[in-house]
Amino acid sequence: LTATIPAADSIGTMMVPVQDVVSALGGTCAYDQYALPVTLNGHTYVIRHGNVKVDVDGETVRMTQPAFMVEDTMMAPVELFSSLLNVNMTYDSAADTVAVAM
């Protein structure tokens, strides 16, 4: 995964750039100022800046940390992808890279 914004640690939670991860997994994003609608694997997710709640196909789930914006890029906890999408993501802090495997 080549990210436009590097992964970041937020109070012990690894945050990753949503648009880059979704693109790498074959999904699409439609950025809307403070909300990021995502379509991936037949599901729709809406991630909002400053919010721990994510709408998943109309149902609400909670993340451990709120999503936030960095240079027009939405950052969300890595667990969003690993738990909701069954995607294995690992972060190598020495190389500052995120590996994604389905």
N, C-alpha and C. Protein backbone atom coordinates (compact mmCIF):
# COMPACT_ATOMS: atom_id res chain seq x y z
N LEU A 1 0.85 -1.18 0.00
CA LEU A 1 0.00 0.00 0.00
C LEU A 1 0.89 1.23 0.00
N THR A 2 0.73 2.06 -0.99
CA THR A 2 1.43 3.34 -1.03
C THR A 2 0.44 4.40 -0.58
N ALA A 3 0.74 5.04 0.52
CA ALA A 3 -0.19 6.00 1.11
C ALA A 3 0.25 7.43 0.81
N THR A 4 -0.76 8.29 0.59
CA THR A 4 -0.46 9.70 0.37
C THR A 4 -0.10 10.38 1.68
N ILE A 5 -0.65 9.87 2.79
CA ILE A 5 -0.36 10.35 4.14
C ILE A 5 0.11 9.14 4.93
N PRO A 6 1.21 9.22 5.66
CA PRO A 6 1.67 8.05 6.42
C PRO A 6 0.72 7.70 7.55
N ALA A 7 0.72 6.41 7.93
CA ALA A 7 -0.05 5.97 9.08
C ALA A 7 0.42 6.76 10.29
N ALA A 8 -0.47 6.94 11.26
CA ALA A 8 -0.14 7.74 12.44
C ALA A 8 -0.69 7.09 13.69
N ASP A 9 0.03 7.25 14.79
CA ASP A 9 -0.41 6.73 16.08
C ASP A 9 -1.22 7.82 16.77
N SER A 10 -2.45 7.47 17.16
CA SER A 10 -3.31 8.40 17.87
C SER A 10 -3.74 7.76 19.18
N ILE A 11 -3.08 8.13 20.26
CA ILE A 11 -3.37 7.62 21.59
C ILE A 11 -3.36 6.09 21.59
N GLY A 12 -2.30 5.51 21.01
CA GLY A 12 -2.14 4.07 21.02
C GLY A 12 -2.92 3.32 19.95
N THR A 13 -3.58 4.03 19.05
CA THR A 13 -4.34 3.40 17.98
C THR A 13 -3.73 3.80 16.65
N MET A 14 -3.41 2.81 15.81
CA MET A 14 -2.84 3.10 14.50
C MET A 14 -3.94 3.59 13.57
N MET A 15 -3.75 4.79 13.02
CA MET A 15 -4.70 5.40 12.10
C MET A 15 -4.13 5.31 10.69
N VAL A 16 -4.97 4.95 9.73
CA VAL A 16 -4.52 4.80 8.35
C VAL A 16 -5.37 5.67 7.42
N PRO A 17 -4.82 6.07 6.27
CA PRO A 17 -5.57 6.90 5.33
C PRO A 17 -6.64 6.07 4.62
N VAL A 18 -7.89 6.40 4.88
CA VAL A 18 -9.03 5.62 4.38
C VAL A 18 -9.02 5.52 2.86
N GLN A 19 -8.88 6.64 2.18
CA GLN A 19 -8.95 6.63 0.72
C GLN A 19 -7.92 5.69 0.10
N ASP A 20 -6.71 5.69 0.63
CA ASP A 20 -5.65 4.84 0.08
C ASP A 20 -5.94 3.36 0.33
N VAL A 21 -6.40 3.02 1.53
CA VAL A 21 -6.71 1.63 1.86
C VAL A 21 -7.88 1.14 1.00
N VAL A 22 -8.93 1.94 0.91
CA VAL A 22 -10.10 1.55 0.13
C VAL A 22 -9.74 1.36 -1.34
N SER A 23 -8.94 2.27 -1.87
CA SER A 23 -8.50 2.15 -3.27
C SER A 23 -7.70 0.88 -3.48
N ALA A 24 -6.80 0.56 -2.55
CA ALA A 24 -5.98 -0.65 -2.66
C ALA A 24 -6.84 -1.91 -2.61
N LEU A 25 -7.99 -1.84 -1.94
CA LEU A 25 -8.89 -2.99 -1.82
C LEU A 25 -9.93 -3.03 -2.94
N GLY A 26 -9.87 -2.07 -3.87
CA GLY A 26 -10.78 -2.07 -5.01
C GLY A 26 -12.09 -1.33 -4.79
N GLY A 27 -12.17 -0.54 -3.72
CA GLY A 27 -13.40 0.22 -3.44
C GLY A 27 -13.31 1.64 -3.94
N THR A 28 -14.36 2.40 -3.66
CA THR A 28 -14.41 3.80 -4.06
C THR A 28 -14.80 4.69 -2.89
N CYS A 29 -14.36 5.94 -2.95
CA CYS A 29 -14.69 6.94 -1.93
C CYS A 29 -15.26 8.16 -2.64
N ALA A 30 -16.17 8.85 -1.95
CA ALA A 30 -16.75 10.09 -2.48
C ALA A 30 -16.66 11.15 -1.40
N TYR A 31 -15.52 11.81 -1.33
CA TYR A 31 -15.25 12.79 -0.28
C TYR A 31 -16.29 13.90 -0.27
N ASP A 32 -16.81 14.20 0.93
CA ASP A 32 -17.85 15.22 1.09
C ASP A 32 -17.52 16.09 2.30
N GLN A 33 -16.53 16.92 2.21
CA GLN A 33 -16.04 17.85 3.23
C GLN A 33 -15.73 17.18 4.56
N TYR A 34 -16.71 16.79 5.36
CA TYR A 34 -16.43 16.17 6.66
C TYR A 34 -16.96 14.76 6.78
N ALA A 35 -17.47 14.20 5.70
CA ALA A 35 -17.92 12.81 5.69
C ALA A 35 -17.30 12.13 4.49
N LEU A 36 -17.05 10.85 4.62
CA LEU A 36 -16.44 10.10 3.53
C LEU A 36 -17.27 8.84 3.27
N PRO A 37 -18.19 8.91 2.29
CA PRO A 37 -18.91 7.70 1.90
C PRO A 37 -17.97 6.76 1.15
N VAL A 38 -17.97 5.49 1.55
CA VAL A 38 -17.10 4.48 0.97
C VAL A 38 -17.95 3.32 0.48
N THR A 39 -17.66 2.83 -0.71
CA THR A 39 -18.30 1.63 -1.22
C THR A 39 -17.22 0.58 -1.40
N LEU A 40 -17.41 -0.57 -0.74
CA LEU A 40 -16.40 -1.62 -0.78
C LEU A 40 -17.05 -2.97 -0.52
N ASN A 41 -16.76 -3.93 -1.37
CA ASN A 41 -17.27 -5.29 -1.22
C ASN A 41 -18.79 -5.34 -1.08
N GLY A 42 -19.50 -4.48 -1.83
CA GLY A 42 -20.95 -4.49 -1.81
C GLY A 42 -21.57 -3.82 -0.61
N HIS A 43 -20.78 -3.14 0.20
CA HIS A 43 -21.27 -2.46 1.39
C HIS A 43 -20.98 -0.96 1.29
N THR A 44 -21.78 -0.17 2.00
CA THR A 44 -21.56 1.27 2.05
C THR A 44 -21.23 1.67 3.48
N TYR A 45 -20.14 2.42 3.62
CA TYR A 45 -19.67 2.90 4.91
C TYR A 45 -19.63 4.42 4.83
N VAL A 46 -20.06 5.10 5.90
CA VAL A 46 -19.91 6.55 5.96
C VAL A 46 -19.11 6.87 7.21
N ILE A 47 -17.93 7.42 6.98
CA ILE A 47 -17.00 7.76 8.05
C ILE A 47 -17.00 9.28 8.17
N ARG A 48 -17.15 9.78 9.40
CA ARG A 48 -17.24 11.22 9.61
C ARG A 48 -16.08 11.74 10.45
N HIS A 49 -15.55 12.87 10.04
CA HIS A 49 -14.48 13.55 10.77
C HIS A 49 -14.91 13.83 12.21
N GLY A 50 -14.05 13.49 13.16
CA GLY A 50 -14.31 13.79 14.57
C GLY A 50 -15.31 12.87 15.24
N ASN A 51 -15.69 11.79 14.58
CA ASN A 51 -16.74 10.92 15.10
C ASN A 51 -16.23 9.49 15.24
N VAL A 52 -16.62 8.81 16.32
CA VAL A 52 -16.26 7.40 16.50
C VAL A 52 -17.29 6.47 15.86
N LYS A 53 -18.40 7.03 15.42
CA LYS A 53 -19.46 6.22 14.82
C LYS A 53 -19.29 6.15 13.30
N VAL A 54 -19.50 4.95 12.75
CA VAL A 54 -19.45 4.72 11.32
C VAL A 54 -20.78 4.08 10.92
N ASP A 55 -21.40 4.60 9.88
CA ASP A 55 -22.61 3.98 9.35
C ASP A 55 -22.19 2.88 8.39
N VAL A 56 -22.67 1.67 8.63
CA VAL A 56 -22.37 0.53 7.77
C VAL A 56 -23.70 -0.02 7.27
N ASP A 57 -24.00 0.23 6.01
CA ASP A 57 -25.27 -0.21 5.43
C ASP A 57 -26.46 0.23 6.29
N GLY A 58 -26.38 1.44 6.83
CA GLY A 58 -27.48 1.99 7.63
C GLY A 58 -27.42 1.64 9.11
N GLU A 59 -26.51 0.75 9.52
CA GLU A 59 -26.34 0.40 10.92
C GLU A 59 -25.13 1.17 11.46
N THR A 60 -25.15 1.48 12.76
CA THR A 60 -24.05 2.24 13.37
C THR A 60 -23.12 1.31 14.13
N VAL A 61 -21.82 1.45 13.87
CA VAL A 61 -20.79 0.74 14.62
C VAL A 61 -19.82 1.78 15.18
N ARG A 62 -19.08 1.40 16.22
CA ARG A 62 -18.16 2.34 16.86
C ARG A 62 -16.72 1.93 16.62
N MET A 63 -15.87 2.94 16.42
CA MET A 63 -14.43 2.74 16.33
C MET A 63 -13.83 3.09 17.69
N THR A 64 -12.58 2.68 17.92
CA THR A 64 -11.93 2.98 19.19
C THR A 64 -11.51 4.44 19.30
N GLN A 65 -11.23 5.08 18.17
CA GLN A 65 -10.83 6.48 18.12
C GLN A 65 -11.63 7.18 17.02
N PRO A 66 -11.89 8.46 17.17
CA PRO A 66 -12.60 9.17 16.10
C PRO A 66 -11.73 9.34 14.85
N ALA A 67 -12.38 9.34 13.71
CA ALA A 67 -11.69 9.63 12.45
C ALA A 67 -11.29 11.10 12.46
N PHE A 68 -10.24 11.44 11.73
CA PHE A 68 -9.84 12.84 11.63
C PHE A 68 -9.22 13.09 10.26
N MET A 69 -9.17 14.37 9.90
CA MET A 69 -8.64 14.78 8.60
C MET A 69 -7.20 15.24 8.73
N VAL A 70 -6.38 14.85 7.76
CA VAL A 70 -5.00 15.34 7.62
C VAL A 70 -4.83 15.68 6.15
N GLU A 71 -4.64 16.95 5.86
CA GLU A 71 -4.43 17.39 4.48
C GLU A 71 -5.47 16.80 3.52
N ASP A 72 -6.74 16.97 3.81
CA ASP A 72 -7.84 16.47 2.97
C ASP A 72 -7.91 14.95 2.86
N THR A 73 -7.29 14.25 3.79
CA THR A 73 -7.33 12.79 3.81
C THR A 73 -7.93 12.33 5.13
N MET A 74 -8.96 11.48 5.06
CA MET A 74 -9.59 10.95 6.26
C MET A 74 -8.74 9.83 6.83
N MET A 75 -8.44 9.92 8.11
CA MET A 75 -7.68 8.90 8.83
C MET A 75 -8.64 8.17 9.77
N ALA A 76 -8.57 6.84 9.77
CA ALA A 76 -9.44 6.04 10.63
C ALA A 76 -8.62 4.91 11.25
N PRO A 77 -9.08 4.38 12.39
CA PRO A 77 -8.34 3.28 13.03
C PRO A 77 -8.22 2.07 12.12
N VAL A 78 -7.06 1.45 12.16
CA VAL A 78 -6.81 0.27 11.34
C VAL A 78 -7.84 -0.83 11.63
N GLU A 79 -8.36 -0.86 12.86
CA GLU A 79 -9.32 -1.91 13.22
C GLU A 79 -10.62 -1.80 12.42
N LEU A 80 -10.92 -0.62 11.89
CA LEU A 80 -12.10 -0.47 11.05
C LEU A 80 -12.05 -1.45 9.89
N PHE A 81 -10.89 -1.60 9.29
CA PHE A 81 -10.73 -2.49 8.15
C PHE A 81 -10.56 -3.94 8.59
N SER A 82 -9.80 -4.14 9.65
CA SER A 82 -9.55 -5.52 10.08
C SER A 82 -10.80 -6.18 10.66
N SER A 83 -11.58 -5.45 11.44
CA SER A 83 -12.75 -6.08 12.07
C SER A 83 -13.98 -6.09 11.17
N LEU A 84 -14.27 -4.99 10.48
CA LEU A 84 -15.47 -4.94 9.65
C LEU A 84 -15.32 -5.65 8.32
N LEU A 85 -14.11 -5.63 7.77
CA LEU A 85 -13.92 -6.18 6.43
C LEU A 85 -13.12 -7.47 6.40
N ASN A 86 -12.73 -7.96 7.57
CA ASN A 86 -11.89 -9.15 7.64
C ASN A 86 -10.62 -9.01 6.80
N VAL A 87 -10.03 -7.83 6.88
CA VAL A 87 -8.79 -7.54 6.17
C VAL A 87 -7.66 -7.54 7.18
N ASN A 88 -6.61 -8.28 6.90
CA ASN A 88 -5.46 -8.33 7.79
C ASN A 88 -4.53 -7.18 7.44
N MET A 89 -4.35 -6.26 8.39
CA MET A 89 -3.47 -5.12 8.17
C MET A 89 -2.43 -5.09 9.28
N THR A 90 -1.18 -4.93 8.88
CA THR A 90 -0.11 -4.82 9.87
C THR A 90 0.70 -3.57 9.57
N TYR A 91 1.20 -2.97 10.63
CA TYR A 91 2.00 -1.76 10.49
C TYR A 91 3.44 -2.06 10.91
N ASP A 92 4.39 -1.75 10.06
CA ASP A 92 5.80 -1.90 10.34
C ASP A 92 6.34 -0.51 10.65
N SER A 93 6.55 -0.22 11.94
CA SER A 93 6.97 1.12 12.34
C SER A 93 8.38 1.44 11.85
N ALA A 94 9.25 0.45 11.76
CA ALA A 94 10.62 0.70 11.31
C ALA A 94 10.63 1.16 9.85
N ALA A 95 9.79 0.53 9.03
CA ALA A 95 9.73 0.88 7.60
C ALA A 95 8.64 1.91 7.32
N ASP A 96 7.79 2.19 8.34
CA ASP A 96 6.66 3.12 8.19
C ASP A 96 5.78 2.70 7.02
N THR A 97 5.41 1.40 7.01
CA THR A 97 4.54 0.88 5.94
C THR A 97 3.39 0.09 6.55
N VAL A 98 2.30 0.04 5.80
CA VAL A 98 1.14 -0.75 6.18
C VAL A 98 0.99 -1.85 5.14
N ALA A 99 0.91 -3.11 5.59
CA ALA A 99 0.69 -4.22 4.69
C ALA A 99 -0.76 -4.64 4.78
N VAL A 100 -1.40 -4.86 3.63
CA VAL A 100 -2.81 -5.21 3.56
C VAL A 100 -2.93 -6.57 2.91
N ALA A 101 -3.68 -7.48 3.55
CA ALA A 101 -3.92 -8.81 2.97
C ALA A 101 -5.36 -9.20 3.23
N MET A 102 -5.99 -9.75 2.20
CA MET A 102 -7.39 -10.18 2.36
C MET A 102 -7.45 -11.68 2.54
